PDB file of N, CA and C in Angstrom:
ATOM      1  N   MET A   1      98.539  95.421 121.795  1.00  0.00           N
ATOM      2  CA  MET A   1      97.793  96.395 121.029  1.00  0.00           C
ATOM      3  C   MET A   1      98.390  97.253 120.157  1.00  0.00           C
ATOM      4  N   LEU A   2      98.193  97.512 119.125  1.00  0.00           N
ATOM      5  CA  LEU A   2      98.903  98.377 118.463  1.00  0.00           C
ATOM      6  C   LEU A   2      98.105  99.893 118.225  1.00  0.00           C
ATOM      7  N   ILE A   3      98.591 100.886 118.726  1.00  0.00           N
ATOM      8  CA  ILE A   3      97.745 102.136 118.680  1.00  0.00           C
ATOM      9  C   ILE A   3      98.568 103.221 117.898  1.00  0.00           C
ATOM     10  N   GLY A   4      97.721 103.772 116.886  1.00  0.00           N
ATOM     11  CA  GLY A   4      97.920 104.722 115.950  1.00  0.00           C
ATOM     12  C   GLY A   4      97.652 106.103 116.145  1.00  0.00           C
ATOM     13  N   GLN A   5      98.276 107.091 116.114  1.00  0.00           N
ATOM     14  CA  GLN A   5      97.578 108.414 116.691  1.00  0.00           C
ATOM     15  C   GLN A   5      98.174 109.682 115.898  1.00  0.00           C
ATOM     16  N   GLY A   6      97.299 110.525 115.416  1.00  0.00           N
ATOM     17  CA  GLY A   6      97.699 111.780 114.733  1.00  0.00           C
ATOM     18  C   GLY A   6      97.818 112.884 115.708  1.00  0.00           C
ATOM     19  N   PHE A   7      98.857 113.502 115.797  1.00  0.00           N
ATOM     20  CA  PHE A   7      98.986 114.540 117.136  1.00  0.00           C
ATOM     21  C   PHE A   7      98.131 115.497 116.867  1.00  0.00           C
ATOM     22  N   ASN A   8      97.632 115.817 115.647  1.00  0.00           N
ATOM     23  CA  ASN A   8      96.714 116.990 115.566  1.00  0.00           C
ATOM     24  C   ASN A   8      95.137 116.579 115.313  1.00  0.00           C
ATOM     25  N   ASN A   9      94.805 115.270 115.837  1.00  0.00           N
ATOM     26  CA  ASN A   9      93.474 114.706 115.815  1.00  0.00           C
ATOM     27  C   ASN A   9      92.590 115.391 116.579  1.00  0.00           C
ATOM     28  N   PRO A  10      91.654 116.264 116.075  1.00  0.00           N
ATOM     29  CA  PRO A  10      90.724 116.854 116.809  1.00  0.00           C
ATOM     30  C   PRO A  10      89.723 116.227 117.551  1.00  0.00           C
ATOM     31  N   CYS A  11      89.430 114.958 117.238  1.00  0.00           N
ATOM     32  CA  CYS A  11      88.359 113.999 117.825  1.00  0.00           C
ATOM     33  C   CYS A  11      89.019 113.336 119.065  1.00  0.00           C
ATOM     34  N   SER A  12      90.363 112.762 118.984  1.00  0.00           N
ATOM     35  CA  SER A  12      91.099 112.179 119.976  1.00  0.00           C
ATOM     36  C   SER A  12      92.464 112.737 120.247  1.00  0.00           C
ATOM     37  N   PRO A  13      92.201 113.630 121.236  1.00  0.00           N
ATOM     38  CA  PRO A  13      93.735 114.239 121.703  1.00  0.00           C
ATOM     39  C   PRO A  13      94.713 113.131 121.967  1.00  0.00           C
ATOM     40  N   PRO A  14      95.993 113.494 121.702  1.00  0.00           N
ATOM     41  CA  PRO A  14      97.088 112.423 121.869  1.00  0.00           C
ATOM     42  C   PRO A  14      96.981 111.996 123.439  1.00  0.00           C
ATOM     43  N   LEU A  15      97.099 113.019 124.333  1.00  0.00           N
ATOM     44  CA  LEU A  15      97.187 112.440 125.815  1.00  0.00           C
ATOM     45  C   LEU A  15      96.118 111.207 126.000  1.00  0.00           C
ATOM     46  N   GLU A  16      94.935 111.309 125.400  1.00  0.00           N
ATOM     47  CA  GLU A  16      93.950 110.192 125.529  1.00  0.00           C
ATOM     48  C   GLU A  16      94.646 108.847 125.126  1.00  0.00           C
ATOM     49  N   SER A  17      95.305 108.756 123.941  1.00  0.00           N
ATOM     50  CA  SER A  17      95.719 107.810 123.341  1.00  0.00           C
ATOM     51  C   SER A  17      97.015 107.187 124.323  1.00  0.00           C
ATOM     52  N   GLU A  18      97.745 108.352 124.614  1.00  0.00           N
ATOM     53  CA  GLU A  18      99.036 108.092 125.490  1.00  0.00           C
ATOM     54  C   GLU A  18      98.651 107.515 126.995  1.00  0.00           C
ATOM     55  N   ASN A  19      97.475 107.892 127.475  1.00  0.00           N
ATOM     56  CA  ASN A  19      97.114 107.382 128.818  1.00  0.00           C
ATOM     57  C   ASN A  19      96.563 106.100 128.538  1.00  0.00           C
ATOM     58  N   PHE A  20      95.745 105.820 127.530  1.00  0.00           N
ATOM     59  CA  PHE A  20      95.226 104.485 127.057  1.00  0.00           C
ATOM     60  C   PHE A  20      96.389 103.432 126.981  1.00  0.00           C
ATOM     61  N   ALA A  21      97.450 103.658 126.137  1.00  0.00           N
ATOM     62  CA  ALA A  21      98.529 102.900 126.018  1.00  0.00           C
ATOM     63  C   ALA A  21      99.417 102.578 127.287  1.00  0.00           C
ATOM     64  N   GLU A  22      99.566 103.762 128.262  1.00  0.00           N
ATOM     65  CA  GLU A  22     100.312 103.646 129.460  1.00  0.00           C
ATOM     66  C   GLU A  22      99.532 102.398 130.482  1.00  0.00           C
ATOM     67  N   ALA A  23      98.102 102.833 130.515  1.00  0.00           N
ATOM     68  CA  ALA A  23      97.197 101.969 131.348  1.00  0.00           C
ATOM     69  C   ALA A  23      97.429 100.366 130.879  1.00  0.00           C
ATOM     70  N   LEU A  24      97.126 100.131 129.663  1.00  0.00           N
ATOM     71  CA  LEU A  24      97.127  98.926 128.923  1.00  0.00           C
ATOM     72  C   LEU A  24      98.680  98.137 129.445  1.00  0.00           C
ATOM     73  N   SER A  25      99.825  99.006 129.341  1.00  0.00           N
ATOM     74  CA  SER A  25     101.031  98.591 129.450  1.00  0.00           C
ATOM     75  C   SER A  25     101.260  98.133 131.038  1.00  0.00           C
ATOM     76  N   GLU A  26     100.490  99.028 131.834  1.00  0.00           N
ATOM     77  CA  GLU A  26     100.934  98.823 133.285  1.00  0.00           C
ATOM     78  C   GLU A  26      99.945  97.428 133.663  1.00  0.00           C
ATOM     79  N   SER A  27      99.037  97.089 132.710  1.00  0.00           N
ATOM     80  CA  SER A  27      98.248  96.002 133.051  1.00  0.00           C
ATOM     81  C   SER A  27      98.789  94.681 132.551  1.00  0.00           C
ATOM     82  N   GLY A  28     100.003  94.892 131.815  1.00  0.00           N
ATOM     83  CA  GLY A  28     100.645  93.771 131.342  1.00  0.00           C
ATOM     84  C   GLY A  28     100.337  93.663 129.807  1.00  0.00           C
ATOM     85  N   VAL A  29      99.644  94.253 129.217  1.00  0.00           N
ATOM     86  CA  VAL A  29      99.205  94.218 127.963  1.00  0.00           C
ATOM     87  C   VAL A  29     100.485  94.797 126.854  1.00  0.00           C
ATOM     88  N   PRO A  30     101.005  93.961 126.044  1.00  0.00           N
ATOM     89  CA  PRO A  30     101.947  94.424 125.096  1.00  0.00           C
ATOM     90  C   PRO A  30     101.618  95.576 124.253  1.00  0.00           C
ATOM     91  N   VAL A  31     102.250  96.741 124.073  1.00  0.00           N
ATOM     92  CA  VAL A  31     101.474  97.849 123.386  1.00  0.00           C
ATOM     93  C   VAL A  31     102.527  98.419 122.772  1.00  0.00           C
ATOM     94  N   TRP A  32     102.315  98.656 121.361  1.00  0.00           N
ATOM     95  CA  TRP A  32     103.161  99.632 120.468  1.00  0.00           C
ATOM     96  C   TRP A  32     102.388 100.680 120.236  1.00  0.00           C
ATOM     97  N   PHE A  33     102.937 101.952 120.075  1.00  0.00           N
ATOM     98  CA  PHE A  33     102.181 103.208 120.243  1.00  0.00           C
ATOM     99  C   PHE A  33     103.028 104.118 119.058  1.00  0.00           C
ATOM    100  N   VAL A  34     102.397 104.199 117.829  1.00  0.00           N
ATOM    101  CA  VAL A  34     102.829 105.028 116.952  1.00  0.00           C
ATOM    102  C   VAL A  34     102.206 106.484 116.855  1.00  0.00           C
ATOM    103  N   GLN A  35     102.931 107.602 116.866  1.00  0.00           N
ATOM    104  CA  GLN A  35     102.245 108.765 116.735  1.00  0.00           C
ATOM    105  C   GLN A  35     103.078 109.708 115.629  1.00  0.00           C
ATOM    106  N   ALA A  36     102.157 110.124 114.870  1.00  0.00           N
ATOM    107  CA  ALA A  36     102.570 110.868 113.627  1.00  0.00           C
ATOM    108  C   ALA A  36     102.295 112.435 114.028  1.00  0.00           C
ATOM    109  N   ASN A  37     103.421 113.200 114.315  1.00  0.00           N
ATOM    110  CA  ASN A  37     103.210 114.632 114.717  1.00  0.00           C
ATOM    111  C   ASN A  37     102.613 115.463 113.682  1.00  0.00           C
ATOM    112  N   ASN A  38     102.537 115.197 112.384  1.00  0.00           N
ATOM    113  CA  ASN A  38     102.090 116.117 111.460  1.00  0.00           C
ATOM    114  C   ASN A  38     100.735 115.408 110.715  1.00  0.00           C
ATOM    115  N   GLU A  39     100.075 114.918 111.569  1.00  0.00           N
ATOM    116  CA  GLU A  39      98.824 114.253 111.061  1.00  0.00           C
ATOM    117  C   GLU A  39      97.595 114.510 111.950  1.00  0.00           C
ATOM    118  N   GLY A  40      96.525 114.471 111.360  1.00  0.00           N
ATOM    119  CA  GLY A  40      95.261 114.589 112.321  1.00  0.00           C
ATOM    120  C   GLY A  40      94.523 113.146 112.353  1.00  0.00           C
ATOM    121  N   LYS A  41      93.421 113.042 111.846  1.00  0.00           N
ATOM    122  CA  LYS A  41      92.646 111.963 112.069  1.00  0.00           C
ATOM    123  C   LYS A  41      93.127 110.823 110.967  1.00  0.00           C
ATOM    124  N   GLY A  42      93.878 109.764 111.419  1.00  0.00           N
ATOM    125  CA  GLY A  42      94.367 108.943 110.452  1.00  0.00           C
ATOM    126  C   GLY A  42      95.701 109.594 109.779  1.00  0.00           C
ATOM    127  N   PHE A  43      96.304 108.413 109.144  1.00  0.00           N
ATOM    128  CA  PHE A  43      97.512 108.646 108.484  1.00  0.00           C
ATOM    129  C   PHE A  43      97.333 108.972 107.131  1.00  0.00           C
ATOM    130  N   GLU A  44      97.399 110.094 106.585  1.00  0.00           N
ATOM    131  CA  GLU A  44      97.297 110.479 105.195  1.00  0.00           C
ATOM    132  C   GLU A  44      98.575 110.751 104.430  1.00  0.00           C
ATOM    133  N   LYS A  45      99.546 111.406 104.859  1.00  0.00           N
ATOM    134  CA  LYS A  45     100.743 111.755 104.243  1.00  0.00           C
ATOM    135  C   LYS A  45     101.492 110.434 104.112  1.00  0.00           C
ATOM    136  N   LYS A  46     102.061 110.358 102.762  1.00  0.00           N
ATOM    137  CA  LYS A  46     102.577 109.121 102.348  1.00  0.00           C
ATOM    138  C   LYS A  46     103.524 108.607 103.255  1.00  0.00           C
ATOM    139  N   GLU A  47     104.708 109.290 103.621  1.00  0.00           N
ATOM    140  CA  GLU A  47     105.802 108.892 104.576  1.00  0.00           C
ATOM    141  C   GLU A  47     105.101 108.235 105.820  1.00  0.00           C
ATOM    142  N   ASN A  48     103.931 108.906 106.483  1.00  0.00           N
ATOM    143  CA  ASN A  48     103.277 108.335 107.642  1.00  0.00           C
ATOM    144  C   ASN A  48     102.779 107.197 107.381  1.00  0.00           C
ATOM    145  N   LEU A  49     101.804 107.207 106.417  1.00  0.00           N
ATOM    146  CA  LEU A  49     101.251 105.853 105.874  1.00  0.00           C
ATOM    147  C   LEU A  49     102.102 104.677 105.728  1.00  0.00           C
ATOM    148  N   ASP A  50     103.217 105.037 104.929  1.00  0.00           N
ATOM    149  CA  ASP A  50     104.194 104.030 104.653  1.00  0.00           C
ATOM    150  C   ASP A  50     104.842 103.390 106.071  1.00  0.00           C
ATOM    151  N   PHE A  51     105.260 104.317 106.951  1.00  0.00           N
ATOM    152  CA  PHE A  51     105.842 103.887 108.246  1.00  0.00           C
ATOM    153  C   PHE A  51     104.654 102.912 108.955  1.00  0.00           C
ATOM    154  N   TRP A  52     103.437 103.480 109.067  1.00  0.00           N
ATOM    155  CA  TRP A  52     102.147 102.925 109.576  1.00  0.00           C
ATOM    156  C   TRP A  52     101.974 101.432 109.158  1.00  0.00           C
ATOM    157  N   MET A  53     102.228 101.210 107.845  1.00  0.00           N
ATOM    158  CA  MET A  53     101.833 100.000 107.189  1.00  0.00           C
ATOM    159  C   MET A  53     103.043  98.914 107.397  1.00  0.00           C
ATOM    160  N   ARG A  54     104.413  99.370 107.460  1.00  0.00           N
ATOM    161  CA  ARG A  54     105.561  98.701 107.864  1.00  0.00           C
ATOM    162  C   ARG A  54     105.391  97.970 109.278  1.00  0.00           C
ATOM    163  N   THR A  55     104.744  99.085 110.025  1.00  0.00           N
ATOM    164  CA  THR A  55     104.888  98.761 111.413  1.00  0.00           C
ATOM    165  C   THR A  55     103.698  97.880 111.623  1.00  0.00           C
ATOM    166  N   LEU A  56     102.558  98.104 111.051  1.00  0.00           N
ATOM    167  CA  LEU A  56     101.303  96.987 111.178  1.00  0.00           C
ATOM    168  C   LEU A  56     101.955  95.640 110.760  1.00  0.00           C
ATOM    169  N   VAL A  57     102.668  95.609 109.652  1.00  0.00           N
ATOM    170  CA  VAL A  57     102.973  94.186 109.170  1.00  0.00           C
ATOM    171  C   VAL A  57     103.949  93.492 110.258  1.00  0.00           C
ATOM    172  N   HIS A  58     105.000  94.437 110.666  1.00  0.00           N
ATOM    173  CA  HIS A  58     105.798  93.866 111.667  1.00  0.00           C
ATOM    174  C   HIS A  58     105.200  93.381 112.838  1.00  0.00           C
ATOM    175  N   PHE A  59     104.188  94.280 113.292  1.00  0.00           N
ATOM    176  CA  PHE A  59     103.142  93.769 114.711  1.00  0.00           C
ATOM    177  C   PHE A  59     102.590  92.593 114.238  1.00  0.00           C
ATOM    178  N   LEU A  60     101.932  92.363 113.242  1.00  0.00           N
ATOM    179  CA  LEU A  60     101.095  91.305 112.871  1.00  0.00           C
ATOM    180  C   LEU A  60     102.024  89.898 112.960  1.00  0.00           C
ATOM    181  N   LYS A  61     103.141  90.154 112.282  1.00  0.00           N
ATOM    182  CA  LYS A  61     104.131  89.129 112.056  1.00  0.00           C
ATOM    183  C   LYS A  61     104.390  88.564 113.570  1.00  0.00           C
ATOM    184  N   GLU A  62     104.701  89.461 114.432  1.00  0.00           N
ATOM    185  CA  GLU A  62     105.189  89.253 115.798  1.00  0.00           C
ATOM    186  C   GLU A  62     104.088  88.832 116.692  1.00  0.00           C
ATOM    187  N   HIS A  63     103.095  89.204 116.721  1.00  0.00           N
ATOM    188  CA  HIS A  63     102.049  88.718 117.591  1.00  0.00           C
ATOM    189  C   HIS A  63     101.019  87.923 117.166  1.00  0.00           C
ATOM    190  N   LEU A  64     100.767  87.766 115.656  1.00  0.00           N
ATOM    191  CA  LEU A  64      99.581  86.848 115.163  1.00  0.00           C
ATOM    192  C   LEU A  64     100.288  85.621 114.556  1.00  0.00           C
ATOM    193  N   LEU A  65     101.216  85.802 113.917  1.00  0.00           N
ATOM    194  CA  LEU A  65     101.804  84.566 113.360  1.00  0.00           C
ATOM    195  C   LEU A  65     102.637  83.681 114.163  1.00  0.00           C
ATOM    196  N   SER A  66     102.449  82.409 114.212  1.00  0.00           N
ATOM    197  CA  SER A  66     103.287  81.516 115.268  1.00  0.00           C
ATOM    198  C   SER A  66     103.822  80.254 114.408  1.00  0.00           C
ATOM    199  N   GLU A  67     104.813  79.912 114.821  1.00  0.00           N
ATOM    200  CA  GLU A  67     105.451  78.692 114.134  1.00  0.00           C
ATOM    201  C   GLU A  67     104.907  77.451 114.955  1.00  0.00           C
ATOM    202  N   GLN A  68     104.083  77.592 115.990  1.00  0.00           N
ATOM    203  CA  GLN A  68     103.455  76.471 116.615  1.00  0.00           C
ATOM    204  C   GLN A  68     102.006  76.380 116.141  1.00  0.00           C
ATOM    205  N   PRO A  69     101.795  74.925 115.749  1.00  0.00           N
ATOM    206  CA  PRO A  69     100.471  74.614 115.175  1.00  0.00           C
ATOM    207  C   PRO A  69      99.328  75.126 116.227  1.00  0.00           C
ATOM    208  N   LEU A  70      98.261  75.317 115.715  1.00  0.00           N
ATOM    209  CA  LEU A  70      96.818  75.823 116.622  1.00  0.00           C
ATOM    210  C   LEU A  70      96.361  74.496 117.221  1.00  0.00           C
TER     211      LEU A  70
END
């Protein structure tokens, strides 16, 4: 699971996302957690959005694309 969190998100405090990521990880689910300390709800600043998109592409390549036939 890939989780993105803005540290200043008024609707979803960072601790909730951190706890969710930790619980998933403890259950054996691979988790990637990205937090932007200067964002609120969503990634809007260019540097954060660029980082998020690169992370998303890498995550999808690693977890969804397979060299094995379906």
